[in-house]
Structure formats: structure tokens, C-alpha cells
Amino acid sequence: MTQDRTALGIPDGCLFVMMRAQSEHLGPSTCDKLNKVRHDLLAAYSAWIERAKLHSEFIDIPTDIAALLLDMQHGGAMRMQREGVPRETIESVLRFALGAVMFRDNAIRS
């Protein structure tokens, strides 16, 4: 979510996030594809969260809620990128937002 896209020649933001935000202007077939991609993304987040929970790296909250939280943070980060917010600022926002659900080391685990 915080990679330097300029160095990679990739435009700021995320087409998927922008298309979701404007889905009312898209046709039904495109919306169906967007929904499939979102479903697959949430499934990937869920699998990652479950692995993190097995290693005590994620707090014990429902995985579907945590996946939606990650999805929301991803969308926000991509919008901030598109708006020209510095990468370091986006990273700080994400660290703060995700710090509430992710354990960084044994010292903060209960």
C-alpha cells in the first residue's frame, strides 16, 4: 500500500479502488467483475489474517471484520496517494490505523 509507484512507473492510486468509488457509472458486467475481484481480495485478506492469528500477530477479532478493515485502509491509502499525500504520511496513517489490530512484538501482546 505504500510502495513508491513513481520509481516503478505506475500511476498513483489504484484503478480498482477508483472504479469501486464510481461503480454507479459502470455497466452491470463491469460491476460483476469488480464484485468478484473484491470478493477475492477479501478472501486473500482473510487468509492472511488467519495465518497472522495462528502466530499471535493479530488480535482476536472476527476475521471478516478485520478483512473489511484492511480493505478500508487500502482504499483510503490509494485515495491519499492519488491526492498527492506524501508516502511517508500515508505510511504513518496506516501504522497508526493497523497498529490497533496487529501485534508488533511480544511486549504488546496480552
Protein backbone atom coordinates (compact mmCIF):
# COMPACT_ATOMS: atom_id res chain seq x y z
CA MET A 1 0.00 0.00 0.00
CA THR A 2 2.95 2.33 0.45
CA GLN A 3 5.27 1.32 -2.37
CA ASP A 4 6.89 4.12 -4.37
CA ARG A 5 4.89 3.85 -7.57
CA THR A 6 6.80 6.62 -9.33
CA ALA A 7 10.01 4.57 -9.25
CA LEU A 8 8.10 1.68 -10.83
CA GLY A 9 6.42 3.83 -13.48
CA ILE A 10 2.96 3.05 -12.03
CA PRO A 11 0.35 5.81 -11.65
CA ASP A 12 -0.59 6.89 -8.13
CA GLY A 13 -3.75 5.41 -6.72
CA CYS A 14 -5.48 2.19 -7.66
CA LEU A 15 -7.80 1.66 -10.60
CA PHE A 16 -9.77 -0.95 -8.65
CA VAL A 17 -10.37 1.48 -5.77
CA MET A 18 -11.32 4.30 -8.14
CA MET A 19 -13.68 2.06 -10.13
CA ARG A 20 -15.39 0.89 -6.93
CA ALA A 21 -15.89 4.51 -5.92
CA GLN A 22 -17.56 5.24 -9.27
CA SER A 23 -19.38 1.93 -9.74
CA GLU A 24 -22.75 3.60 -10.26
CA HIS A 25 -21.37 4.87 -13.60
CA LEU A 26 -20.33 1.40 -14.77
CA GLY A 27 -22.29 -1.29 -16.54
CA PRO A 28 -23.58 -4.45 -14.85
CA SER A 29 -20.91 -6.73 -16.33
CA THR A 30 -18.12 -4.46 -15.09
CA CYS A 31 -19.75 -4.24 -11.66
CA ASP A 32 -19.98 -8.03 -11.53
CA LYS A 33 -16.25 -8.27 -12.26
CA LEU A 34 -15.48 -5.62 -9.64
CA ASN A 35 -17.51 -7.56 -7.08
CA LYS A 36 -15.62 -10.75 -7.94
CA VAL A 37 -12.26 -9.01 -7.55
CA ARG A 38 -13.40 -7.53 -4.21
CA HIS A 39 -14.59 -10.95 -3.02
CA ASP A 40 -11.23 -12.48 -3.98
CA LEU A 41 -9.34 -9.65 -2.28
CA LEU A 42 -11.34 -10.07 0.94
CA ALA A 43 -10.66 -13.82 0.80
CA ALA A 44 -6.92 -13.15 0.44
CA TYR A 45 -7.00 -10.71 3.36
CA SER A 46 -8.91 -13.28 5.42
CA ALA A 47 -6.36 -16.00 4.70
CA TRP A 48 -3.52 -13.65 5.64
CA ILE A 49 -5.30 -12.64 8.86
CA GLU A 50 -5.91 -16.26 9.83
CA ARG A 51 -2.20 -17.04 9.33
CA ALA A 52 -1.28 -13.99 11.43
CA LYS A 53 -3.67 -15.11 14.19
CA LEU A 54 -2.01 -18.55 14.26
CA HIS A 55 1.27 -16.78 15.04
CA SER A 56 -0.34 -14.41 17.59
CA GLU A 57 0.36 -11.45 15.30
CA PHE A 58 -3.23 -10.26 15.08
CA ILE A 59 -5.80 -9.57 17.78
CA ASP A 60 -8.73 -11.93 18.19
CA ILE A 61 -11.49 -10.14 16.29
CA PRO A 62 -13.74 -11.70 13.67
CA THR A 63 -11.72 -12.28 10.53
CA ASP A 64 -14.43 -10.89 8.23
CA ILE A 65 -14.42 -7.62 10.20
CA ALA A 66 -10.62 -7.45 10.11
CA ALA A 67 -10.64 -8.09 6.34
CA LEU A 68 -13.06 -5.21 5.84
CA LEU A 69 -10.81 -3.02 7.99
CA LEU A 70 -7.83 -3.84 5.76
CA ASP A 71 -9.94 -3.20 2.66
CA MET A 72 -11.00 0.17 4.03
CA GLN A 73 -7.41 1.13 4.90
CA HIS A 74 -6.21 0.06 1.44
CA GLY A 75 -8.87 2.18 -0.25
CA GLY A 76 -8.03 5.18 1.90
CA ALA A 77 -4.32 4.81 1.25
CA MET A 78 -4.87 4.61 -2.50
CA ARG A 79 -7.09 7.69 -2.46
CA MET A 80 -4.50 9.62 -0.43
CA GLN A 81 -1.82 8.53 -2.92
CA ARG A 82 -3.96 9.75 -5.79
CA GLU A 83 -4.43 13.09 -3.99
CA GLY A 84 -0.65 13.54 -3.67
CA VAL A 85 -0.28 12.85 0.05
CA PRO A 86 3.39 12.02 0.72
CA ARG A 87 4.17 8.31 1.01
CA GLU A 88 5.66 8.80 4.48
CA THR A 89 2.41 10.36 5.69
CA ILE A 90 0.34 7.52 4.25
CA GLU A 91 2.66 5.03 5.94
CA SER A 92 2.24 6.82 9.28
CA VAL A 93 -1.54 6.79 8.94
CA LEU A 94 -1.52 3.07 8.11
CA ARG A 95 0.82 2.25 11.01
CA PHE A 96 -1.50 4.06 13.39
CA ALA A 97 -4.69 2.53 11.96
CA LEU A 98 -3.38 -1.03 11.71
CA GLY A 99 -1.42 -0.85 14.96
CA ALA A 100 -4.68 -1.38 16.83
CA VAL A 101 -5.12 -4.86 15.37
CA MET A 102 -1.61 -6.09 14.67
CA PHE A 103 0.96 -7.08 17.27
CA ARG A 104 4.44 -5.81 16.56
CA ASP A 105 6.31 -7.82 19.19
CA ASN A 106 5.78 -9.93 22.30
CA ALA A 107 5.92 -6.87 24.57
CA ILE A 108 2.49 -5.62 23.48
CA ARG A 109 0.70 -8.98 23.41
CA SER A 110 -1.63 -9.61 26.30
